[in-house]
Amino acid sequence: MTPSSAPITVACTLALLILTVSCAEAPPPSEDAPPPPAAPVAPKVIAPRTAVPAPATPVCPPDMVLAAGRYCPEVRHRCLEHHPDYARETRRRERARARGEDPGPRRAVEICLRYAPGTCVDETRRRPLRFCIDRHEYPGQAGALPALLITWRRARALCADADKRLCTSDEFNFACEGEAMLPYSYGLERDPRRCLQDRPYIAPERPLLPYAECQERAWCRSALAALDQRAPIGARPRCTSPFGAFDLNGSVNEWVMRPGKTAPWRSGLKGGWWGPARSRCRPMVTAHDENYSGYEVGFRCCRDATPSNPG
């Protein structure tokens, strides 16, 4: 080695030592050393559980509508315009009385064409009513003809078979007139285009048998065909009440229950029929007992409404 090469050799040796130290593996961590801190974990967010309400119980079956509100037992209706036939008959009777004569039986049905709004005679007597009523007359199937030639007793039994009952007279009133106390289910003015009514009267030649028996005898079937002026259920969609029940006026008379009466006079007929009759909500025929079956007599059913689920 020459004196000039000594500094180079020393420098190279130092560089090699430095490189060796820097490249050496780091010593393993001591077992006594504390573990490194864990990485922070975001807190788990749990969404609040939304309460799922129980499915609501239908208040009425699908073939019925709910009638609910405050009912006035006694209503005053003032006619503003009578049918011309009734107006003429009224004048005839007045002239007969003025001459001191007996006017005899009425020759025209009391039909009012236009009413003033109804008034409740005593508002403090209004009471709540809540019930279900058949949307249509029995059998309640669109396109079918309403039942007729049926007794009150048979109608009551058919309602019971369907887990229903005959409507009371008050229930029929309220389902027909609503809280507005309408004289007709559709309003204050009579409109034969809306409901099946004011058809020509055809007098029966003899009483007919109840429907099932009538269909078994040719003479009865023929006699019924000559009288029958029914229309299919659903044929008049504008003949509807404030609660959505159809044909409560016109079509066929409907049996109702008269509370407080005893057999065989628990029966009443309401709503009118297809002929020239009053066909209003309030009037009721009480002259026929529970075994009567007229060629224009049908029915529909009611039932208590299911209580609403608590909200």
C-alpha atoms as a PDB file:
ATOM      1  CA  MET A   1       0.000   0.000   0.000  1.00  0.00           C
ATOM      2  CA  THR A   2       1.251   3.393  -0.962  1.00  0.00           C
ATOM      3  CA  PRO A   3       0.848   6.362   1.278  1.00  0.00           C
ATOM      4  CA  SER A   4      -1.518   7.947  -1.272  1.00  0.00           C
ATOM      5  CA  SER A   5      -3.925   5.019  -1.198  1.00  0.00           C
ATOM      6  CA  ALA A   6      -4.345   4.947   2.620  1.00  0.00           C
ATOM      7  CA  PRO A   7      -7.012   7.676   2.866  1.00  0.00           C
ATOM      8  CA  ILE A   8      -9.095   5.927   0.140  1.00  0.00           C
ATOM      9  CA  THR A   9      -8.955   2.592   1.985  1.00  0.00           C
ATOM     10  CA  VAL A  10     -10.036   4.150   5.279  1.00  0.00           C
ATOM     11  CA  ALA A  11     -12.930   5.961   3.604  1.00  0.00           C
ATOM     12  CA  CYS A  12     -14.129   2.805   1.907  1.00  0.00           C
ATOM     13  CA  THR A  13     -13.992   0.873   5.164  1.00  0.00           C
ATOM     14  CA  LEU A  14     -16.035   3.514   6.977  1.00  0.00           C
ATOM     15  CA  ALA A  15     -18.626   3.605   4.182  1.00  0.00           C
ATOM     16  CA  LEU A  16     -18.935  -0.186   4.270  1.00  0.00           C
ATOM     17  CA  LEU A  17     -19.524  -0.159   8.043  1.00  0.00           C
ATOM     18  CA  ILE A  18     -22.189   2.514   7.761  1.00  0.00           C
ATOM     19  CA  LEU A  19     -23.994   0.589   4.963  1.00  0.00           C
ATOM     20  CA  THR A  20     -23.901  -2.634   6.989  1.00  0.00           C
ATOM     21  CA  VAL A  21     -25.377  -1.019  10.067  1.00  0.00           C
ATOM     22  CA  SER A  22     -28.186   0.714   8.100  1.00  0.00           C
ATOM     23  CA  CYS A  23     -29.182  -2.523   6.313  1.00  0.00           C
ATOM     24  CA  ALA A  24     -29.247  -4.681   9.419  1.00  0.00           C
ATOM     25  CA  GLU A  25     -32.735  -6.039  10.499  1.00  0.00           C
ATOM     26  CA  ALA A  26     -34.393  -4.249  13.360  1.00  0.00           C
ATOM     27  CA  PRO A  27     -34.284  -6.275  16.542  1.00  0.00           C
ATOM     28  CA  PRO A  28     -37.494  -8.104  17.415  1.00  0.00           C
ATOM     29  CA  PRO A  29     -39.765  -6.267  19.833  1.00  0.00           C
ATOM     30  CA  SER A  30     -39.379  -7.178  23.425  1.00  0.00           C
ATOM     31  CA  GLU A  31     -42.136  -9.374  24.877  1.00  0.00           C
ATOM     32  CA  ASP A  32     -42.373  -6.896  27.737  1.00  0.00           C
ATOM     33  CA  ALA A  33     -43.107  -3.989  25.400  1.00  0.00           C
ATOM     34  CA  PRO A  34     -46.724  -2.707  25.431  1.00  0.00           C
ATOM     35  CA  PRO A  35     -48.805  -3.546  22.302  1.00  0.00           C
ATOM     36  CA  PRO A  36     -49.349  -0.769  19.803  1.00  0.00           C
ATOM     37  CA  PRO A  37     -52.586   1.134  20.216  1.00  0.00           C
ATOM     38  CA  ALA A  38     -55.557  -0.335  18.290  1.00  0.00           C
ATOM     39  CA  ALA A  39     -57.037   1.601  15.408  1.00  0.00           C
ATOM     40  CA  PRO A  40     -60.207   3.499  16.411  1.00  0.00           C
ATOM     41  CA  VAL A  41     -63.482   1.703  15.478  1.00  0.00           C
ATOM     42  CA  ALA A  42     -66.516   3.731  14.510  1.00  0.00           C
ATOM     43  CA  PRO A  43     -69.480   3.065  16.820  1.00  0.00           C
ATOM     44  CA  LYS A  44     -72.216   0.845  15.286  1.00  0.00           C
ATOM     45  CA  VAL A  45     -75.349   2.819  14.597  1.00  0.00           C
ATOM     46  CA  ILE A  46     -78.577   0.846  15.172  1.00  0.00           C
ATOM     47  CA  ALA A  47     -81.540   2.269  13.349  1.00  0.00           C
ATOM     48  CA  PRO A  48     -84.608   2.677  15.525  1.00  0.00           C
ATOM     49  CA  ARG A  49     -87.244  -0.008  14.883  1.00  0.00           C
ATOM     50  CA  THR A  50     -90.391   1.336  13.313  1.00  0.00           C
ATOM     51  CA  ALA A  51     -93.523  -0.053  14.870  1.00  0.00           C
ATOM     52  CA  VAL A  52     -95.667  -1.840  12.273  1.00  0.00           C
ATOM     53  CA  PRO A  53     -99.351  -1.217  13.003  1.00  0.00           C
ATOM     54  CA  ALA A  54    -101.615  -4.213  13.080  1.00  0.00           C
ATOM     55  CA  PRO A  55    -103.838  -4.472  10.024  1.00  0.00           C
ATOM     56  CA  ALA A  56    -107.098  -2.638  10.585  1.00  0.00           C
ATOM     57  CA  THR A  57    -110.174  -4.787  11.040  1.00  0.00           C
ATOM     58  CA  PRO A  58    -112.792  -3.892   8.402  1.00  0.00           C
ATOM     59  CA  VAL A  59    -115.644  -1.995  10.001  1.00  0.00           C
ATOM     60  CA  CYS A  60    -118.149  -3.582   7.605  1.00  0.00           C
ATOM     61  CA  PRO A  61    -118.022  -6.606   5.277  1.00  0.00           C
ATOM     62  CA  PRO A  62    -117.218  -5.847   1.617  1.00  0.00           C
ATOM     63  CA  ASP A  63    -120.863  -6.090   0.556  1.00  0.00           C
ATOM     64  CA  MET A  64    -121.989  -3.506   3.125  1.00  0.00           C
ATOM     65  CA  VAL A  65    -121.427   0.203   3.775  1.00  0.00           C
ATOM     66  CA  LEU A  66    -121.042   2.061   7.061  1.00  0.00           C
ATOM     67  CA  ALA A  67    -123.747   4.469   8.184  1.00  0.00           C
ATOM     68  CA  ALA A  68    -122.545   6.568  11.117  1.00  0.00           C
ATOM     69  CA  GLY A  69    -123.558   9.919  12.568  1.00  0.00           C
ATOM     70  CA  ARG A  70    -126.256  11.592  14.636  1.00  0.00           C
ATOM     71  CA  TYR A  71    -129.831  10.622  13.851  1.00  0.00           C
ATOM     72  CA  CYS A  72    -132.918  12.762  14.380  1.00  0.00           C
ATOM     73  CA  PRO A  73    -135.942  10.632  15.325  1.00  0.00           C
ATOM     74  CA  GLU A  74    -138.541  13.183  14.217  1.00  0.00           C
ATOM     75  CA  VAL A  75    -138.079  15.262  11.060  1.00  0.00           C
ATOM     76  CA  ARG A  76    -140.323  17.897   9.513  1.00  0.00           C
ATOM     77  CA  HIS A  77    -140.431  17.958   5.695  1.00  0.00           C
ATOM     78  CA  ARG A  78    -142.325  20.725   3.874  1.00  0.00           C
ATOM     79  CA  CYS A  79    -143.416  20.015   0.306  1.00  0.00           C
ATOM     80  CA  LEU A  80    -142.956  22.947  -2.075  1.00  0.00           C
ATOM     81  CA  GLU A  81    -144.536  21.331  -5.128  1.00  0.00           C
ATOM     82  CA  HIS A  82    -146.830  18.303  -5.324  1.00  0.00           C
ATOM     83  CA  HIS A  83    -147.376  16.063  -8.312  1.00  0.00           C
ATOM     84  CA  PRO A  84    -150.186  17.507 -10.503  1.00  0.00           C
ATOM     85  CA  ASP A  85    -152.375  14.427  -9.965  1.00  0.00           C
ATOM     86  CA  TYR A  86    -152.186  14.810  -6.216  1.00  0.00           C
ATOM     87  CA  ALA A  87    -152.767  18.572  -6.403  1.00  0.00           C
ATOM     88  CA  ARG A  88    -155.943  18.007  -8.468  1.00  0.00           C
ATOM     89  CA  GLU A  89    -157.136  15.325  -6.053  1.00  0.00           C
ATOM     90  CA  THR A  90    -156.580  17.669  -3.108  1.00  0.00           C
ATOM     91  CA  ARG A  91    -158.710  20.367  -4.768  1.00  0.00           C
ATOM     92  CA  ARG A  92    -161.463  17.825  -5.553  1.00  0.00           C
ATOM     93  CA  ARG A  93    -161.620  16.736  -1.950  1.00  0.00           C
ATOM     94  CA  GLU A  94    -161.756  20.333  -0.728  1.00  0.00           C
ATOM     95  CA  ARG A  95    -164.693  21.140  -3.064  1.00  0.00           C
ATOM     96  CA  ALA A  96    -166.559  18.016  -1.916  1.00  0.00           C
ATOM     97  CA  ARG A  97    -166.160  18.986   1.735  1.00  0.00           C
ATOM     98  CA  ALA A  98    -167.298  22.539   0.947  1.00  0.00           C
ATOM     99  CA  ARG A  99    -170.535  21.066  -0.456  1.00  0.00           C
ATOM    100  CA  GLY A 100    -170.940  18.938   2.658  1.00  0.00           C
ATOM    101  CA  GLU A 101    -170.164  15.716   0.753  1.00  0.00           C
ATOM    102  CA  ASP A 102    -167.915  12.843   1.679  1.00  0.00           C
ATOM    103  CA  PRO A 103    -164.903  12.984  -0.690  1.00  0.00           C
ATOM    104  CA  GLY A 104    -164.397   9.238  -0.410  1.00  0.00           C
ATOM    105  CA  PRO A 105    -161.002   7.494  -0.681  1.00  0.00           C
ATOM    106  CA  ARG A 106    -158.073   9.288  -2.220  1.00  0.00           C
ATOM    107  CA  ARG A 107    -157.628   8.725  -5.925  1.00  0.00           C
ATOM    108  CA  ALA A 108    -153.990   9.801  -6.138  1.00  0.00           C
ATOM    109  CA  VAL A 109    -150.865   8.977  -4.163  1.00  0.00           C
ATOM    110  CA  GLU A 110    -149.255  11.801  -2.195  1.00  0.00           C
ATOM    111  CA  ILE A 111    -146.153  12.448  -4.300  1.00  0.00           C
ATOM    112  CA  CYS A 112    -144.028  15.539  -3.712  1.00  0.00           C
ATOM    113  CA  LEU A 113    -141.777  16.785  -6.495  1.00  0.00           C
ATOM    114  CA  ARG A 114    -139.751  19.281  -4.465  1.00  0.00           C
ATOM    115  CA  TYR A 115    -139.058  19.795  -0.767  1.00  0.00           C
ATOM    116  CA  ALA A 116    -137.592  22.474   1.452  1.00  0.00           C
ATOM    117  CA  PRO A 117    -134.621  21.267   3.528  1.00  0.00           C
ATOM    118  CA  GLY A 118    -135.699  19.031   6.391  1.00  0.00           C
ATOM    119  CA  THR A 119    -135.587  20.234  10.001  1.00  0.00           C
ATOM    120  CA  CYS A 120    -135.150  18.217  13.173  1.00  0.00           C
ATOM    121  CA  VAL A 121    -138.157  18.780  15.438  1.00  0.00           C
ATOM    122  CA  ASP A 122    -136.000  18.508  18.566  1.00  0.00           C
ATOM    123  CA  GLU A 123    -132.215  18.688  18.166  1.00  0.00           C
ATOM    124  CA  THR A 124    -131.704  17.522  21.757  1.00  0.00           C
ATOM    125  CA  ARG A 125    -133.164  14.144  20.779  1.00  0.00           C
ATOM    126  CA  ARG A 126    -130.554  13.414  18.145  1.00  0.00           C
ATOM    127  CA  ARG A 127    -128.633  10.264  18.995  1.00  0.00           C
ATOM    128  CA  PRO A 128    -125.597   8.520  17.520  1.00  0.00           C
ATOM    129  CA  LEU A 129    -126.117   5.620  15.139  1.00  0.00           C
ATOM    130  CA  ARG A 130    -123.367   3.409  13.721  1.00  0.00           C
ATOM    131  CA  PHE A 131    -124.135   0.251  11.755  1.00  0.00           C
ATOM    132  CA  CYS A 132    -123.518  -1.573   8.486  1.00  0.00           C
ATOM    133  CA  ILE A 133    -126.158  -1.887   5.769  1.00  0.00           C
ATOM    134  CA  ASP A 134    -126.124  -3.932   2.577  1.00  0.00           C
ATOM    135  CA  ARG A 135    -124.876  -1.921  -0.363  1.00  0.00           C
ATOM    136  CA  HIS A 136    -127.559  -3.476  -2.593  1.00  0.00           C
ATOM    137  CA  GLU A 137    -130.914  -5.160  -2.182  1.00  0.00           C
ATOM    138  CA  TYR A 138    -130.865  -8.914  -1.646  1.00  0.00           C
ATOM    139  CA  PRO A 139    -129.244 -10.998  -3.166  1.00  0.00           C
ATOM    140  CA  GLY A 140    -126.733  -8.170  -3.563  1.00  0.00           C
ATOM    141  CA  GLN A 141    -125.134  -9.405  -6.803  1.00  0.00           C
ATOM    142  CA  ALA A 142    -124.687  -6.883  -9.610  1.00  0.00           C
ATOM    143  CA  GLY A 143    -126.753  -7.891 -12.608  1.00  0.00           C
ATOM    144  CA  ALA A 144    -129.153 -10.089 -10.630  1.00  0.00           C
ATOM    145  CA  LEU A 145    -132.752  -9.055 -10.042  1.00  0.00           C
ATOM    146  CA  PRO A 146    -133.792  -8.039  -6.523  1.00  0.00           C
ATOM    147  CA  ALA A 147    -135.695 -10.699  -4.606  1.00  0.00           C
ATOM    148  CA  LEU A 148    -139.467 -10.317  -4.343  1.00  0.00           C
ATOM    149  CA  LEU A 149    -142.538 -12.232  -3.193  1.00  0.00           C
ATOM    150  CA  ILE A 150    -140.798 -12.825   0.114  1.00  0.00           C
ATOM    151  CA  THR A 151    -142.278 -12.735   3.610  1.00  0.00           C
ATOM    152  CA  TRP A 152    -140.831 -10.788   6.522  1.00  0.00           C
ATOM    153  CA  ARG A 153    -140.087 -14.043   8.335  1.00  0.00           C
ATOM    154  CA  ARG A 154    -138.213 -15.470   5.366  1.00  0.00           C
ATOM    155  CA  ALA A 155    -136.247 -12.256   4.920  1.00  0.00           C
ATOM    156  CA  ARG A 156    -135.258 -12.293   8.589  1.00  0.00           C
ATOM    157  CA  ALA A 157    -134.075 -15.913   8.299  1.00  0.00           C
ATOM    158  CA  LEU A 158    -131.964 -15.166   5.203  1.00  0.00           C
ATOM    159  CA  CYS A 159    -130.300 -12.249   6.984  1.00  0.00           C
ATOM    160  CA  ALA A 160    -129.532 -14.482   9.968  1.00  0.00           C
ATOM    161  CA  ASP A 161    -127.991 -17.096   7.639  1.00  0.00           C
ATOM    162  CA  ALA A 162    -125.531 -14.399   6.499  1.00  0.00           C
ATOM    163  CA  ASP A 163    -124.708 -13.384  10.112  1.00  0.00           C
ATOM    164  CA  LYS A 164    -126.799 -10.238   9.636  1.00  0.00           C
ATOM    165  CA  ARG A 165    -130.250  -9.031  10.659  1.00  0.00           C
ATOM    166  CA  LEU A 166    -133.122  -7.009   9.281  1.00  0.00           C
ATOM    167  CA  CYS A 167    -132.603  -3.256   9.547  1.00  0.00           C
ATOM    168  CA  THR A 168    -134.731  -1.361  12.034  1.00  0.00           C
ATOM    169  CA  SER A 169    -136.989   1.396  10.732  1.00  0.00           C
ATOM    170  CA  ASP A 170    -134.677   4.040  12.237  1.00  0.00           C
ATOM    171  CA  GLU A 171    -131.617   2.464  10.617  1.00  0.00           C
ATOM    172  CA  PHE A 172    -133.337   2.491   7.225  1.00  0.00           C
ATOM    173  CA  ASN A 173    -134.279   6.148   7.704  1.00  0.00           C
ATOM    174  CA  PHE A 174    -130.734   7.180   8.572  1.00  0.00           C
ATOM    175  CA  ALA A 175    -129.039   5.100   5.858  1.00  0.00           C
ATOM    176  CA  CYS A 176    -131.401   6.702   3.328  1.00  0.00           C
ATOM    177  CA  GLU A 177    -131.476  10.330   4.425  1.00  0.00           C
ATOM    178  CA  GLY A 178    -128.145  10.871   6.220  1.00  0.00           C
ATOM    179  CA  GLU A 179    -127.575  13.613   8.775  1.00  0.00           C
ATOM    180  CA  ALA A 180    -129.014  16.143   6.275  1.00  0.00           C
ATOM    181  CA  MET A 181    -132.453  14.455   6.680  1.00  0.00           C
ATOM    182  CA  LEU A 182    -133.056  14.300   2.927  1.00  0.00           C
ATOM    183  CA  PRO A 183    -136.580  13.296   1.852  1.00  0.00           C
ATOM    184  CA  TYR A 184    -135.113  11.270  -1.010  1.00  0.00           C
ATOM    185  CA  SER A 185    -131.854   9.366  -0.724  1.00  0.00           C
ATOM    186  CA  TYR A 186    -130.378  11.531  -3.489  1.00  0.00           C
ATOM    187  CA  GLY A 187    -131.690  14.971  -2.532  1.00  0.00           C
ATOM    188  CA  LEU A 188    -134.642  17.332  -2.171  1.00  0.00           C
ATOM    189  CA  GLU A 189    -136.190  16.926  -5.640  1.00  0.00           C
ATOM    190  CA  ARG A 190    -137.829  13.791  -6.985  1.00  0.00           C
ATOM    191  CA  ASP A 191    -136.007  12.407 -10.018  1.00  0.00           C
ATOM    192  CA  PRO A 192    -137.388   9.201 -11.600  1.00  0.00           C
ATOM    193  CA  ARG A 193    -134.323   9.093 -13.856  1.00  0.00           C
ATOM    194  CA  ARG A 194    -132.093   8.368 -10.869  1.00  0.00           C
ATOM    195  CA  CYS A 195    -134.127   5.620  -9.205  1.00  0.00           C
ATOM    196  CA  LEU A 196    -136.540   3.002 -10.519  1.00  0.00           C
ATOM    197  CA  GLN A 197    -139.887   4.595  -9.671  1.00  0.00           C
ATOM    198  CA  ASP A 198    -143.037   6.120 -11.165  1.00  0.00           C
ATOM    199  CA  ARG A 199    -143.594   3.218 -13.560  1.00  0.00           C
ATOM    200  CA  PRO A 200    -147.242   2.676 -14.637  1.00  0.00           C
ATOM    201  CA  TYR A 201    -149.311   0.808 -12.086  1.00  0.00           C
ATOM    202  CA  ILE A 202    -150.536  -2.642 -13.125  1.00  0.00           C
ATOM    203  CA  ALA A 203    -153.198  -4.105 -10.843  1.00  0.00           C
ATOM    204  CA  PRO A 204    -152.699  -7.781  -9.965  1.00  0.00           C
ATOM    205  CA  GLU A 205    -155.647 -10.013 -10.824  1.00  0.00           C
ATOM    206  CA  ARG A 206    -155.108 -12.179  -7.746  1.00  0.00           C
ATOM    207  CA  PRO A 207    -152.602 -12.538  -4.898  1.00  0.00           C
ATOM    208  CA  LEU A 208    -149.426 -14.378  -5.852  1.00  0.00           C
ATOM    209  CA  LEU A 209    -147.666 -17.134  -3.954  1.00  0.00           C
ATOM    210  CA  PRO A 210    -144.279 -16.727  -2.256  1.00  0.00           C
ATOM    211  CA  TYR A 211    -141.518 -16.772  -4.840  1.00  0.00           C
ATOM    212  CA  ALA A 212    -140.336 -20.401  -4.604  1.00  0.00           C
ATOM    213  CA  GLU A 213    -143.916 -21.700  -4.816  1.00  0.00           C
ATOM    214  CA  CYS A 214    -144.790 -19.203  -7.536  1.00  0.00           C
ATOM    215  CA  GLN A 215    -142.031 -20.533  -9.772  1.00  0.00           C
ATOM    216  CA  GLU A 216    -143.515 -24.034  -9.533  1.00  0.00           C
ATOM    217  CA  ARG A 217    -146.900 -23.007 -10.932  1.00  0.00           C
ATOM    218  CA  ALA A 218    -147.389 -21.787 -14.477  1.00  0.00           C
ATOM    219  CA  TRP A 219    -150.269 -19.454 -13.661  1.00  0.00           C
ATOM    220  CA  CYS A 220    -148.213 -17.719 -10.957  1.00  0.00           C
ATOM    221  CA  ARG A 221    -145.126 -17.371 -13.147  1.00  0.00           C
ATOM    222  CA  SER A 222    -147.259 -15.861 -15.886  1.00  0.00           C
ATOM    223  CA  ALA A 223    -149.016 -13.455 -13.520  1.00  0.00           C
ATOM    224  CA  LEU A 224    -145.693 -12.310 -12.045  1.00  0.00           C
ATOM    225  CA  ALA A 225    -144.211 -11.741 -15.496  1.00  0.00           C
ATOM    226  CA  ALA A 226    -147.142  -9.441 -16.326  1.00  0.00           C
ATOM    227  CA  LEU A 227    -146.520  -7.351 -13.184  1.00  0.00           C
ATOM    228  CA  ASP A 228    -142.737  -7.431 -12.863  1.00  0.00           C
ATOM    229  CA  GLN A 229    -140.957  -4.167 -13.707  1.00  0.00           C
ATOM    230  CA  ARG A 230    -137.711  -4.742 -11.773  1.00  0.00           C
ATOM    231  CA  ALA A 231    -134.302  -3.686 -13.080  1.00  0.00           C
ATOM    232  CA  PRO A 232    -131.005  -5.511 -12.465  1.00  0.00           C
ATOM    233  CA  ILE A 233    -129.069  -4.634  -9.330  1.00  0.00           C
ATOM    234  CA  GLY A 234    -126.555  -1.885 -10.135  1.00  0.00           C
ATOM    235  CA  ALA A 235    -128.475  -0.626 -13.168  1.00  0.00           C
ATOM    236  CA  ARG A 236    -128.939   2.818 -11.592  1.00  0.00           C
ATOM    237  CA  PRO A 237    -125.602   3.923 -10.117  1.00  0.00           C
ATOM    238  CA  ARG A 238    -126.934   7.435  -9.379  1.00  0.00           C
ATOM    239  CA  CYS A 239    -129.643   6.100  -7.070  1.00  0.00           C
ATOM    240  CA  THR A 240    -127.400   6.204  -4.022  1.00  0.00           C
ATOM    241  CA  SER A 241    -127.697   7.465  -0.466  1.00  0.00           C
ATOM    242  CA  PRO A 242    -125.279   9.753   1.423  1.00  0.00           C
ATOM    243  CA  PHE A 243    -123.531   6.638   2.806  1.00  0.00           C
ATOM    244  CA  GLY A 244    -123.285   4.788  -0.508  1.00  0.00           C
ATOM    245  CA  ALA A 245    -126.227   2.366  -0.308  1.00  0.00           C
ATOM    246  CA  PHE A 246    -128.087   1.916  -3.597  1.00  0.00           C
ATOM    247  CA  ASP A 247    -131.804   1.750  -4.455  1.00  0.00           C
ATOM    248  CA  LEU A 248    -133.124   2.650  -1.014  1.00  0.00           C
ATOM    249  CA  ASN A 249    -135.867   4.508  -2.887  1.00  0.00           C
ATOM    250  CA  GLY A 250    -137.832   2.803  -5.642  1.00  0.00           C
ATOM    251  CA  SER A 251    -137.028  -0.655  -7.058  1.00  0.00           C
ATOM    252  CA  VAL A 252    -138.687  -2.912  -4.435  1.00  0.00           C
ATOM    253  CA  ASN A 253    -140.226  -2.210  -1.047  1.00  0.00           C
ATOM    254  CA  GLU A 254    -137.961  -3.411   1.756  1.00  0.00           C
ATOM    255  CA  TRP A 255    -138.856  -5.213   4.954  1.00  0.00           C
ATOM    256  CA  VAL A 256    -137.678  -3.645   8.229  1.00  0.00           C
ATOM    257  CA  MET A 257    -137.989  -4.452  11.911  1.00  0.00           C
ATOM    258  CA  ARG A 258    -140.292  -2.282  14.043  1.00  0.00           C
ATOM    259  CA  PRO A 259    -138.750  -2.289  17.528  1.00  0.00           C
ATOM    260  CA  GLY A 260    -141.196  -2.607  20.380  1.00  0.00           C
ATOM    261  CA  LYS A 261    -143.863  -4.358  18.312  1.00  0.00           C
ATOM    262  CA  THR A 262    -144.996  -7.934  18.825  1.00  0.00           C
ATOM    263  CA  ALA A 263    -145.614 -10.730  16.325  1.00  0.00           C
ATOM    264  CA  PRO A 264    -147.076 -10.757  13.778  1.00  0.00           C
ATOM    265  CA  TRP A 265    -146.786  -6.966  13.473  1.00  0.00           C
ATOM    266  CA  ARG A 266    -143.044  -6.448  13.853  1.00  0.00           C
ATOM    267  CA  SER A 267    -142.941  -5.912  10.099  1.00  0.00           C
ATOM    268  CA  GLY A 268    -142.765  -2.654   8.140  1.00  0.00           C
ATOM    269  CA  LEU A 269    -142.140  -1.805   4.492  1.00  0.00           C
ATOM    270  CA  LYS A 270    -139.985   1.162   3.528  1.00  0.00           C
ATOM    271  CA  GLY A 271    -138.387   2.908   0.565  1.00  0.00           C
ATOM    272  CA  GLY A 272    -141.100   2.556  -2.052  1.00  0.00           C
ATOM    273  CA  TRP A 273    -141.042   0.510  -5.246  1.00  0.00           C
ATOM    274  CA  TRP A 274    -141.071   0.868  -9.020  1.00  0.00           C
ATOM    275  CA  GLY A 275    -144.715   2.004  -9.236  1.00  0.00           C
ATOM    276  CA  PRO A 276    -146.280   5.412  -8.578  1.00  0.00           C
ATOM    277  CA  ALA A 277    -145.629   5.448  -4.835  1.00  0.00           C
ATOM    278  CA  ARG A 278    -144.189   7.905  -2.321  1.00  0.00           C
ATOM    279  CA  SER A 279    -140.739   6.266  -2.591  1.00  0.00           C
ATOM    280  CA  ARG A 280    -139.176   8.441   0.097  1.00  0.00           C
ATOM    281  CA  CYS A 281    -136.947   7.701   3.078  1.00  0.00           C
ATOM    282  CA  ARG A 282    -139.345   8.278   5.994  1.00  0.00           C
ATOM    283  CA  PRO A 283    -142.755   6.809   5.061  1.00  0.00           C
ATOM    284  CA  MET A 284    -143.487   3.246   6.194  1.00  0.00           C
ATOM    285  CA  VAL A 285    -146.308   0.846   5.347  1.00  0.00           C
ATOM    286  CA  THR A 286    -147.467  -1.043   8.442  1.00  0.00           C
ATOM    287  CA  ALA A 287    -150.636  -2.700   7.120  1.00  0.00           C
ATOM    288  CA  HIS A 288    -148.965  -5.998   6.175  1.00  0.00           C
ATOM    289  CA  ASP A 289    -148.069  -8.657   8.729  1.00  0.00           C
ATOM    290  CA  GLU A 290    -145.000 -10.882   8.829  1.00  0.00           C
ATOM    291  CA  ASN A 291    -146.512 -13.485   6.477  1.00  0.00           C
ATOM    292  CA  TYR A 292    -147.312 -11.099   3.626  1.00  0.00           C
ATOM    293  CA  SER A 293    -145.409 -11.569   0.364  1.00  0.00           C
ATOM    294  CA  GLY A 294    -146.172  -8.897  -2.222  1.00  0.00           C
ATOM    295  CA  TYR A 295    -145.039  -8.948  -5.844  1.00  0.00           C
ATOM    296  CA  GLU A 296    -143.083  -5.741  -5.156  1.00  0.00           C
ATOM    297  CA  VAL A 297    -141.619  -6.719  -1.752  1.00  0.00           C
ATOM    298  CA  GLY A 298    -137.928  -7.465  -1.157  1.00  0.00           C
ATOM    299  CA  PHE A 299    -135.368  -6.661   1.529  1.00  0.00           C
ATOM    300  CA  ARG A 300    -131.779  -5.980   2.526  1.00  0.00           C
ATOM    301  CA  CYS A 301    -129.886  -6.631   5.767  1.00  0.00           C
ATOM    302  CA  CYS A 302    -128.013  -4.709   8.456  1.00  0.00           C
ATOM    303  CA  ARG A 303    -125.521  -5.648  11.164  1.00  0.00           C
ATOM    304  CA  ASP A 304    -123.610  -3.939  13.966  1.00  0.00           C
ATOM    305  CA  ALA A 305    -120.377  -2.253  12.839  1.00  0.00           C
ATOM    306  CA  THR A 306    -117.084  -3.680  14.075  1.00  0.00           C
ATOM    307  CA  PRO A 307    -115.415  -1.301  16.570  1.00  0.00           C
ATOM    308  CA  SER A 308    -112.530   0.638  15.015  1.00  0.00           C
ATOM    309  CA  ASN A 309    -108.995  -0.241  16.141  1.00  0.00           C
ATOM    310  CA  PRO A 310    -107.632   2.230  18.712  1.00  0.00           C
ATOM    311  CA  GLY A 311    -105.353   4.713  16.983  1.00  0.00           C
END
